[in-house]
C-alpha atoms as a PDB file:
ATOM      1  CA  MET A   1      54.692  93.901  88.610  1.00  0.00           C
ATOM      2  CA  GLY A   2      56.680  90.711  88.041  1.00  0.00           C
ATOM      3  CA  ALA A   3      57.831  88.076  90.468  1.00  0.00           C
ATOM      4  CA  PRO A   4      59.753  89.178  93.571  1.00  0.00           C
ATOM      5  CA  LYS A   5      63.475  89.607  92.989  1.00  0.00           C
ATOM      6  CA  ALA A   6      66.553  88.994  95.110  1.00  0.00           C
ATOM      7  CA  ILE A   7      68.078  92.463  95.352  1.00  0.00           C
ATOM      8  CA  LEU A   8      71.539  93.277  96.673  1.00  0.00           C
ATOM      9  CA  LEU A   9      71.728  96.898  97.787  1.00  0.00           C
ATOM     10  CA  LEU A  10      75.220  98.345  98.214  1.00  0.00           C
ATOM     11  CA  GLY A  11      75.200 101.277 100.640  1.00  0.00           C
ATOM     12  CA  ARG A  12      78.343 103.044  99.428  1.00  0.00           C
ATOM     13  CA  GLY A  13      77.533 106.559 100.607  1.00  0.00           C
ATOM     14  CA  ASP A  14      74.789 107.539 103.042  1.00  0.00           C
ATOM     15  CA  HIS A  15      74.186 104.412 105.113  1.00  0.00           C
ATOM     16  CA  ALA A  16      70.918 105.706 106.610  1.00  0.00           C
ATOM     17  CA  GLU A  17      69.504 106.367 103.132  1.00  0.00           C
ATOM     18  CA  ALA A  18      70.582 102.925 101.960  1.00  0.00           C
ATOM     19  CA  MET A  19      68.758 101.403 104.922  1.00  0.00           C
ATOM     20  CA  ARG A  20      65.595 103.384 104.092  1.00  0.00           C
ATOM     21  CA  VAL A  21      65.706 102.257 100.460  1.00  0.00           C
ATOM     22  CA  ALA A  22      66.320  98.634 101.464  1.00  0.00           C
ATOM     23  CA  ALA A  23      63.305  98.633 103.771  1.00  0.00           C
ATOM     24  CA  GLY A  24      61.192 100.260 101.074  1.00  0.00           C
ATOM     25  CA  LEU A  25      62.055  97.584  98.523  1.00  0.00           C
ATOM     26  CA  THR A  26      60.627  94.898 100.796  1.00  0.00           C
ATOM     27  CA  ILE A  27      57.180  96.509 100.485  1.00  0.00           C
ATOM     28  CA  PHE A  28      57.010  95.122  96.955  1.00  0.00           C
ATOM     29  CA  GLY A  29      57.861  91.621  98.173  1.00  0.00           C
ATOM     30  CA  HIS A  30      61.487  91.662  97.080  1.00  0.00           C
ATOM     31  CA  ARG A  31      64.125  89.843  99.123  1.00  0.00           C
ATOM     32  CA  VAL A  32      66.719  92.454  99.982  1.00  0.00           C
ATOM     33  CA  ARG A  33      70.272  92.017 101.173  1.00  0.00           C
ATOM     34  CA  LEU A  34      72.021  95.194 102.354  1.00  0.00           C
ATOM     35  CA  VAL A  35      75.790  95.668 102.435  1.00  0.00           C
ATOM     36  CA  LEU A  36      77.107  98.883 103.996  1.00  0.00           C
ATOM     37  CA  MET A  37      80.441  99.934 102.504  1.00  0.00           C
ATOM     38  CA  ASN A  38      83.159 102.601 102.372  1.00  0.00           C
ATOM     39  CA  GLY A  39      83.373 103.395 106.062  1.00  0.00           C
ATOM     40  CA  PRO A  40      82.256 102.404 109.522  1.00  0.00           C
ATOM     41  CA  VAL A  41      78.591 102.439 110.431  1.00  0.00           C
ATOM     42  CA  MET A  42      78.045 105.446 112.668  1.00  0.00           C
ATOM     43  CA  ASN A  43      76.252 105.092 116.005  1.00  0.00           C
ATOM     44  CA  THR A  44      73.712 107.929 115.736  1.00  0.00           C
ATOM     45  CA  PRO A  45      70.022 108.246 116.640  1.00  0.00           C
ATOM     46  CA  GLU A  46      69.170 108.159 112.918  1.00  0.00           C
ATOM     47  CA  MET A  47      71.080 104.921 112.430  1.00  0.00           C
ATOM     48  CA  ALA A  48      69.419 103.421 115.528  1.00  0.00           C
ATOM     49  CA  HIS A  49      66.027 104.237 114.017  1.00  0.00           C
ATOM     50  CA  GLN A  50      67.028 102.696 110.694  1.00  0.00           C
ATOM     51  CA  ALA A  51      68.312  99.597 112.512  1.00  0.00           C
ATOM     52  CA  GLU A  52      64.802  99.163 113.918  1.00  0.00           C
ATOM     53  CA  MET A  53      63.435  99.423 110.384  1.00  0.00           C
ATOM     54  CA  MET A  54      65.873  96.729 109.260  1.00  0.00           C
ATOM     55  CA  GLU A  55      64.576  94.449 111.976  1.00  0.00           C
ATOM     56  CA  LEU A  56      60.955  95.071 110.980  1.00  0.00           C
ATOM     57  CA  ALA A  57      61.812  94.446 107.313  1.00  0.00           C
ATOM     58  CA  ASP A  58      63.679  91.247 108.244  1.00  0.00           C
ATOM     59  CA  ILE A  59      66.941  92.534 106.735  1.00  0.00           C
ATOM     60  CA  VAL A  60      70.252  91.689 108.381  1.00  0.00           C
ATOM     61  CA  PRO A  61      72.755  94.319 107.201  1.00  0.00           C
ATOM     62  CA  ALA A  62      76.309  93.281 106.428  1.00  0.00           C
ATOM     63  CA  THR A  63      79.445  95.339 105.866  1.00  0.00           C
ATOM     64  CA  THR A  64      82.712  95.254 103.964  1.00  0.00           C
ATOM     65  CA  VAL A  65      84.430  97.158 106.784  1.00  0.00           C
ATOM     66  CA  ALA A  66      86.161  94.874 109.266  1.00  0.00           C
ATOM     67  CA  GLY A  67      85.721  95.383 112.997  1.00  0.00           C
ATOM     68  CA  GLN A  68      82.049  96.388 112.944  1.00  0.00           C
ATOM     69  CA  ASP A  69      79.176  94.803 114.888  1.00  0.00           C
ATOM     70  CA  LEU A  70      77.708  93.534 111.596  1.00  0.00           C
ATOM     71  CA  VAL A  71      78.254  90.463 109.488  1.00  0.00           C
ATOM     72  CA  TYR A  72      81.533  91.020 107.620  1.00  0.00           C
ATOM     73  CA  LEU A  73      81.796  90.235 103.908  1.00  0.00           C
ATOM     74  CA  ASP A  74      85.241  89.940 102.379  1.00  0.00           C
ATOM     75  CA  ALA A  75      85.769  90.402  98.626  1.00  0.00           C
ATOM     76  CA  ALA A  76      84.930  86.774  97.845  1.00  0.00           C
ATOM     77  CA  ALA A  77      81.704  86.822  99.885  1.00  0.00           C
ATOM     78  CA  LEU A  78      80.653  90.136  98.297  1.00  0.00           C
ATOM     79  CA  SER A  79      81.321  88.717  94.830  1.00  0.00           C
ATOM     80  CA  GLN A  80      79.222  85.658  95.660  1.00  0.00           C
ATOM     81  CA  ALA A  81      76.369  87.872  96.912  1.00  0.00           C
ATOM     82  CA  MET A  82      76.475  89.784  93.615  1.00  0.00           C
ATOM     83  CA  LEU A  83      76.312  86.558  91.621  1.00  0.00           C
ATOM     84  CA  GLU A  84      73.318  85.323  93.624  1.00  0.00           C
ATOM     85  CA  ALA A  85      71.320  88.551  93.239  1.00  0.00           C
ATOM     86  CA  ASP A  86      68.789  89.172  90.475  1.00  0.00           C
ATOM     87  CA  ALA A  87      69.694  92.869  90.660  1.00  0.00           C
ATOM     88  CA  VAL A  88      72.398  94.965  92.310  1.00  0.00           C
ATOM     89  CA  VAL A  89      71.629  98.529  93.366  1.00  0.00           C
ATOM     90  CA  SER A  90      74.431 100.882  94.364  1.00  0.00           C
ATOM     91  CA  LEU A  91      73.657 103.990  96.425  1.00  0.00           C
END
């Protein structure tokens, strides 16, 4: 395995699955940034569990959906995050 990468994971569909994948990528030493997209983040027991996993993995999720309790990224900030990443994964 090579050097750790800066990975930007775009959670475009199933937010809980994106959170699981993001946490899993940290096991290999990668720095992961997670952006949840295409709809509000639901307040469910599954999402609460995944939020705990984010905390343990030291990942602070962001979103492209305004009005959420997460860090908001507009188009310019999302573009900058993509430029700074070694790899972009879209789920």
